[in-house]
């Protein structure tokens, strides 16, 4: 099939789906609490992945048990933490804000890698980091210097920053785990652990939330979409594109995620793009570009860019 062999179509498909995740999450949390939404999404993903990668995961079970701390860390930060906090965040902030702040992930990964993996942080990267952080703060402050100085921030924006921090931790953790497990089998194990952690939290959440969930067709379709497409199709498309085109060519496509999110939010949720969105996004992208230019190429070995979904 042409789609399977075209890295650029696959990259557009993956980022389009991940961009829609923010908008779909915001629409769905009005009908289902965020922890329950995340637990249901990853439960569906686990059931779909199990027939295909269950045998591989079972063969490596001793490796997973030996390195259970690493597996738990990755499952908590990247699967359970990032998505649950994202769905909590969009209860209070716009999906455009959430997606734009997500663009700062590469900067946080660079900073955490220098702290956790003792990677040398070049002084030349500092200006780019500062520019990106300025963009994030400008979005969090909604373009208001007064709000920034008064430390008056939207609760949802702060939750989204915590979600981005979780994904950055996950990305650094994945660097440490690289080569130890088969990626598809590891994704299955991560979804299993995350679902197991989220289900009891979901039960507590449902006990504390008044009323019952009304399982309307639109809600069920939305959850299945997140479980199949945002959790599986997008990841498989991204990984296939990396095989065909290489990590460095794929990395720039991650900037399409906030673009797609903005388009979907404008069409489906009535959100509007403000000037502070545009300015903040330009600062973040400019900072990421400046920082990447300061990094030295590592021979023929390329780092695998971490998607966010």
Protein backbone atom coordinates (compact mmCIF):
# COMPACT_ATOMS: atom_id res chain seq x y z
CA UNK A 1 0.00 0.00 0.00
CA UNK A 2 1.18 3.48 -0.86
CA UNK A 3 0.37 4.88 2.60
CA UNK A 4 2.44 2.24 4.41
CA UNK A 5 5.48 3.00 2.22
CA UNK A 6 5.23 6.81 2.26
CA UNK A 7 6.93 8.20 5.38
CA UNK A 8 5.54 11.69 4.86
CA UNK A 9 1.92 10.54 4.60
CA UNK A 10 2.47 8.39 7.69
CA UNK A 11 3.95 11.36 9.59
CA UNK A 12 1.03 13.60 8.67
CA UNK A 13 -1.41 10.85 9.74
CA UNK A 14 0.33 10.34 13.09
CA UNK A 15 0.57 14.03 13.98
CA UNK A 16 -2.99 14.64 12.81
CA UNK A 17 -4.26 11.93 15.17
CA UNK A 18 -2.15 13.18 18.07
CA UNK A 19 -3.34 16.73 17.41
CA UNK A 20 -6.94 15.53 17.60
CA UNK A 21 -6.23 13.83 20.95
CA UNK A 22 -6.24 17.20 22.74
CA UNK A 23 -9.52 18.25 21.15
CA UNK A 24 -11.22 14.87 21.61
CA UNK A 25 -10.08 14.80 25.23
CA UNK A 26 -11.56 18.22 25.90
CA UNK A 27 -14.87 17.19 24.32
CA UNK A 28 -15.06 13.87 26.19
CA UNK A 29 -14.17 15.04 29.72
CA UNK A 30 -17.52 16.82 29.85
CA UNK A 31 -19.14 13.36 29.81
CA UNK A 32 -16.56 11.11 31.50
CA UNK A 33 -14.03 11.97 34.27
CA UNK A 34 -10.40 12.26 33.11
CA UNK A 35 -8.88 9.31 35.02
CA UNK A 36 -11.69 7.03 33.85
CA UNK A 37 -11.23 8.28 30.29
CA UNK A 38 -7.52 7.47 30.38
CA UNK A 39 -8.12 4.05 31.97
CA UNK A 40 -10.74 3.14 29.37
CA UNK A 41 -8.57 4.37 26.49
CA UNK A 42 -5.55 2.33 27.53
CA UNK A 43 -7.68 -0.69 28.39
CA UNK A 44 -8.98 -0.72 24.81
CA UNK A 45 -5.44 -0.30 23.48
CA UNK A 46 -4.21 -3.21 25.63
CA UNK A 47 -6.94 -5.56 24.41
CA UNK A 48 -6.18 -4.66 20.78
CA UNK A 49 -2.40 -5.04 21.16
CA UNK A 50 -2.53 -8.31 23.13
CA UNK A 51 -3.27 -10.72 20.22
CA UNK A 52 -0.42 -9.30 18.13
CA UNK A 53 2.38 -8.75 20.65
CA UNK A 54 1.37 -10.89 23.62
CA UNK A 55 3.70 -13.76 22.70
CA UNK A 56 6.71 -11.45 22.34
CA UNK A 57 5.99 -9.86 25.71
CA UNK A 58 5.57 -13.28 27.35
CA UNK A 59 8.89 -14.52 25.98
CA UNK A 60 10.63 -11.52 27.55
CA UNK A 61 8.72 -11.68 30.84
CA UNK A 62 11.85 -12.43 32.87
CA UNK A 63 13.53 -9.30 31.46
CA UNK A 64 10.49 -7.20 32.37
CA UNK A 65 10.48 -8.59 35.93
CA UNK A 66 14.21 -7.98 36.32
CA UNK A 67 13.83 -4.38 35.20
CA UNK A 68 10.45 -3.75 36.77
CA UNK A 69 11.48 -0.34 38.12
CA UNK A 70 12.24 0.89 34.59
CA UNK A 71 8.98 -0.55 33.22
CA UNK A 72 6.97 1.00 36.07
CA UNK A 73 8.66 4.39 35.59
CA UNK A 74 7.87 4.41 31.87
CA UNK A 75 4.29 3.27 32.40
CA UNK A 76 3.60 5.88 35.09
CA UNK A 77 5.17 8.86 33.33
CA UNK A 78 4.50 8.31 29.62
CA UNK A 79 1.30 6.28 29.49
CA UNK A 80 -0.70 6.84 32.68
CA UNK A 81 0.70 10.21 33.79
CA UNK A 82 0.94 12.22 30.58
CA UNK A 83 -2.48 11.34 29.21
CA UNK A 84 -4.37 11.52 32.50
CA UNK A 85 -2.88 14.93 33.32
CA UNK A 86 -3.66 16.11 29.78
CA UNK A 87 -7.31 15.15 30.14
CA UNK A 88 -7.41 16.82 33.55
CA UNK A 89 -5.81 19.95 32.08
CA UNK A 90 -8.28 20.40 29.21
CA UNK A 91 -11.10 20.56 31.75
CA UNK A 92 -9.80 24.02 32.67
CA UNK A 93 -7.85 25.26 29.64
CA UNK A 94 -8.22 25.22 25.88
CA UNK A 95 -6.95 22.37 23.74
CA UNK A 96 -4.95 24.91 21.71
CA UNK A 97 -3.11 26.04 24.85
CA UNK A 98 -2.43 22.43 25.83
CA UNK A 99 -1.08 21.45 22.41
CA UNK A 100 1.15 24.53 22.15
CA UNK A 101 2.72 23.95 25.55
CA UNK A 102 3.38 20.38 24.46
CA UNK A 103 5.74 21.82 21.82
CA UNK A 104 8.23 22.62 24.58
CA UNK A 105 8.87 18.90 25.20
CA UNK A 106 12.20 18.78 23.26
CA UNK A 107 13.63 21.54 25.46
CA UNK A 108 12.63 19.78 28.68
CA UNK A 109 14.04 16.49 27.35
CA UNK A 110 17.36 18.21 26.70
CA UNK A 111 17.44 19.70 30.21
CA UNK A 112 16.43 16.47 31.96
CA UNK A 113 18.92 14.42 29.92
CA UNK A 114 21.70 16.66 31.20
CA UNK A 115 20.53 16.08 34.79
CA UNK A 116 19.53 12.40 34.71
CA UNK A 117 21.96 10.98 32.14
CA UNK A 118 24.85 13.39 32.75
CA UNK A 119 24.75 14.52 29.12
CA UNK A 120 26.72 17.70 28.67
CA UNK A 121 24.49 20.74 28.15
CA UNK A 122 26.28 23.15 25.84
CA UNK A 123 26.26 26.79 26.92
CA UNK A 124 25.28 27.68 23.36
CA UNK A 125 21.93 25.91 23.96
CA UNK A 126 20.96 28.24 26.83
CA UNK A 127 19.57 31.06 24.61
CA UNK A 128 17.32 28.60 22.74
CA UNK A 129 16.06 27.13 26.00
CA UNK A 130 15.34 30.62 27.33
CA UNK A 131 13.41 31.60 24.18
CA UNK A 132 11.28 28.44 24.31
CA UNK A 133 10.54 28.88 28.01
CA UNK A 134 9.55 32.49 27.32
CA UNK A 135 7.07 31.19 24.77
CA UNK A 136 5.61 28.72 27.26
CA UNK A 137 5.26 31.41 29.94
CA UNK A 138 3.64 33.76 27.43
CA UNK A 139 1.00 31.14 26.64
CA UNK A 140 0.48 30.26 30.31
CA UNK A 141 0.08 33.96 31.12
CA UNK A 142 -2.35 34.34 28.18
CA UNK A 143 -0.22 37.13 26.80
CA UNK A 144 -0.50 39.18 29.99
CA UNK A 145 2.73 40.42 31.59
CA UNK A 146 0.67 41.44 34.61
CA UNK A 147 -0.55 37.83 35.07
CA UNK A 148 3.03 36.55 34.80
CA UNK A 149 4.36 39.01 37.38
CA UNK A 150 1.46 38.24 39.72
CA UNK A 151 1.94 34.47 39.19
CA UNK A 152 -1.74 34.27 38.27
CA UNK A 153 -2.03 31.17 36.10
CA UNK A 154 -4.85 28.99 34.86
CA UNK A 155 -5.09 25.66 36.72
CA UNK A 156 -5.34 23.75 33.46
CA UNK A 157 -2.17 25.31 32.06
CA UNK A 158 -0.22 24.27 35.15
CA UNK A 159 -1.57 20.72 34.89
CA UNK A 160 -0.50 20.65 31.23
CA UNK A 161 3.00 21.76 32.19
CA UNK A 162 3.11 18.85 34.64
CA UNK A 163 1.94 16.53 31.84
CA UNK A 164 4.71 17.79 29.54
CA UNK A 165 7.23 17.24 32.35
CA UNK A 166 6.00 13.64 32.67
CA UNK A 167 6.48 13.06 28.95
CA UNK A 168 9.96 14.53 29.07
CA UNK A 169 10.82 12.12 31.91
CA UNK A 170 9.40 9.29 29.83
CA UNK A 171 11.46 10.31 26.79
CA UNK A 172 14.68 10.30 28.83
CA UNK A 173 13.68 6.96 30.34
CA UNK A 174 13.10 5.52 26.87
CA UNK A 175 16.66 6.51 25.94
CA UNK A 176 17.92 4.41 28.84
CA UNK A 177 15.64 1.51 27.88
CA UNK A 178 16.58 1.60 24.18
CA UNK A 179 17.61 -1.82 22.87
CA UNK A 180 16.53 -3.72 25.99
CA UNK A 181 13.02 -4.61 24.77
CA UNK A 182 11.11 -4.91 21.53
CA UNK A 183 9.22 -1.59 21.11
CA UNK A 184 5.80 -3.10 20.28
CA UNK A 185 5.94 -5.62 23.12
CA UNK A 186 7.10 -2.89 25.51
CA UNK A 187 4.14 -0.72 24.48
CA UNK A 188 1.83 -3.64 25.32
CA UNK A 189 3.42 -4.08 28.75
CA UNK A 190 3.24 -0.35 29.42
CA UNK A 191 -0.47 -0.24 28.56
CA UNK A 192 -1.08 -3.24 30.83
CA UNK A 193 0.73 -1.65 33.79
CA UNK A 194 -0.86 1.77 33.20
CA UNK A 195 -4.35 0.28 32.94
CA UNK A 196 -3.77 -1.70 36.14
CA UNK A 197 -2.72 1.48 37.95
CA UNK A 198 -5.52 3.63 36.56
CA UNK A 199 -8.46 1.28 37.18
CA UNK A 200 -8.49 1.58 41.01
CA UNK A 201 -7.95 5.35 40.70
CA UNK A 202 -10.87 5.42 38.27
CA UNK A 203 -13.04 3.57 40.78
CA UNK A 204 -12.22 6.15 43.47
CA UNK A 205 -12.88 8.96 40.99
CA UNK A 206 -16.31 7.57 40.08
CA UNK A 207 -17.24 7.30 43.76
CA UNK A 208 -16.41 10.97 44.29
CA UNK A 209 -18.10 12.30 41.13
CA UNK A 210 -21.85 12.91 41.42
CA UNK A 211 -24.08 11.26 38.85
CA UNK A 212 -23.44 8.37 36.48
CA UNK A 213 -21.73 8.25 33.11
CA UNK A 214 -24.26 8.22 30.28
CA UNK A 215 -22.79 5.93 27.64
CA UNK A 216 -24.10 7.71 24.57
CA UNK A 217 -22.95 6.59 21.10
CA UNK A 218 -20.84 9.73 20.65
CA UNK A 219 -18.97 9.09 23.91
CA UNK A 220 -18.28 5.44 23.05
CA UNK A 221 -17.11 6.32 19.54
CA UNK A 222 -14.77 8.98 20.97
CA UNK A 223 -13.21 6.59 23.50
CA UNK A 224 -12.75 3.86 20.88
CA UNK A 225 -11.12 6.45 18.61
CA UNK A 226 -8.61 7.33 21.34
CA UNK A 227 -7.99 3.68 22.17
CA UNK A 228 -7.43 2.58 18.58
CA UNK A 229 -6.12 5.57 16.70
CA UNK A 230 -4.35 7.84 19.23
CA UNK A 231 -2.91 4.86 21.11
CA UNK A 232 -2.09 2.39 18.32
CA UNK A 233 -2.46 3.67 14.73
CA UNK A 234 -0.52 6.88 15.38
CA UNK A 235 2.33 5.07 17.16
CA UNK A 236 2.62 2.40 14.46
CA UNK A 237 2.53 5.04 11.71
CA UNK A 238 5.23 7.07 13.47
CA UNK A 239 7.48 4.08 14.00
CA UNK A 240 7.07 2.95 10.38
CA UNK A 241 7.94 6.45 9.15
CA UNK A 242 11.13 6.42 11.23
CA UNK A 243 12.12 3.11 9.62
CA UNK A 244 11.62 4.61 6.15
CA UNK A 245 12.99 8.16 6.57
CA UNK A 246 15.12 8.20 9.72
CA UNK A 247 14.60 10.01 13.05
CA UNK A 248 16.05 13.41 12.11
CA UNK A 249 13.75 13.88 9.11
CA UNK A 250 10.75 12.89 11.21
CA UNK A 251 11.44 15.11 14.22
CA UNK A 252 10.31 18.34 12.58
CA UNK A 253 6.87 16.91 11.89
CA UNK A 254 6.09 16.97 15.62
CA UNK A 255 5.44 20.71 15.19
CA UNK A 256 2.35 19.77 13.15
CA UNK A 257 0.63 18.50 16.33
CA UNK A 258 -0.34 21.97 17.67
CA UNK A 259 -1.27 23.06 14.14
CA UNK A 260 -3.73 20.18 13.72
CA UNK A 261 -5.00 20.69 17.25
CA UNK A 262 -5.68 24.37 16.54
CA UNK A 263 -7.55 23.52 13.32
CA UNK A 264 -9.70 20.85 15.00
CA UNK A 265 -10.37 23.03 18.05
CA UNK A 266 -11.49 25.92 15.85
CA UNK A 267 -13.81 23.70 13.82
CA UNK A 268 -15.28 21.42 16.49
CA UNK A 269 -15.11 23.19 19.85
CA UNK A 270 -15.44 26.84 18.86
CA UNK A 271 -12.07 27.84 20.31
CA UNK A 272 -10.37 30.74 18.58
CA UNK A 273 -6.69 31.34 17.92
CA UNK A 274 -5.45 34.43 19.77
CA UNK A 275 -2.40 36.55 19.13
CA UNK A 276 -0.69 35.21 22.26
CA UNK A 277 -1.07 31.69 20.84
CA UNK A 278 0.76 32.70 17.67
CA UNK A 279 3.51 34.62 19.47
CA UNK A 280 4.04 31.89 22.06
CA UNK A 281 4.18 29.18 19.38
CA UNK A 282 6.73 31.14 17.34
CA UNK A 283 8.93 31.60 20.43
CA UNK A 284 8.76 27.88 21.31
CA UNK A 285 9.55 26.72 17.77
CA UNK A 286 12.33 29.29 17.40
CA UNK A 287 13.86 28.14 20.69
CA UNK A 288 13.73 24.47 19.69
CA UNK A 289 15.34 25.33 16.33
CA UNK A 290 18.09 27.37 18.01
CA UNK A 291 18.80 24.60 20.49
CA UNK A 292 18.92 21.86 17.85
CA UNK A 293 21.41 23.86 15.80
CA UNK A 294 23.83 23.88 18.73
CA UNK A 295 23.82 20.10 19.11
CA UNK A 296 26.64 18.21 17.44
CA UNK A 297 25.79 15.28 15.15
CA UNK A 298 26.64 11.91 16.68
CA UNK A 299 28.27 10.12 13.74
CA UNK A 300 25.78 7.97 11.86
CA UNK A 301 23.71 7.14 14.91
CA UNK A 302 20.57 9.27 15.18
CA UNK A 303 18.48 9.75 18.27
CA UNK A 304 14.89 8.60 17.97
CA UNK A 305 12.54 11.58 18.44
CA UNK A 306 9.83 10.89 20.99
CA UNK A 307 6.25 11.48 19.85
CA UNK A 308 3.57 12.70 22.21
CA UNK A 309 0.22 11.05 22.28
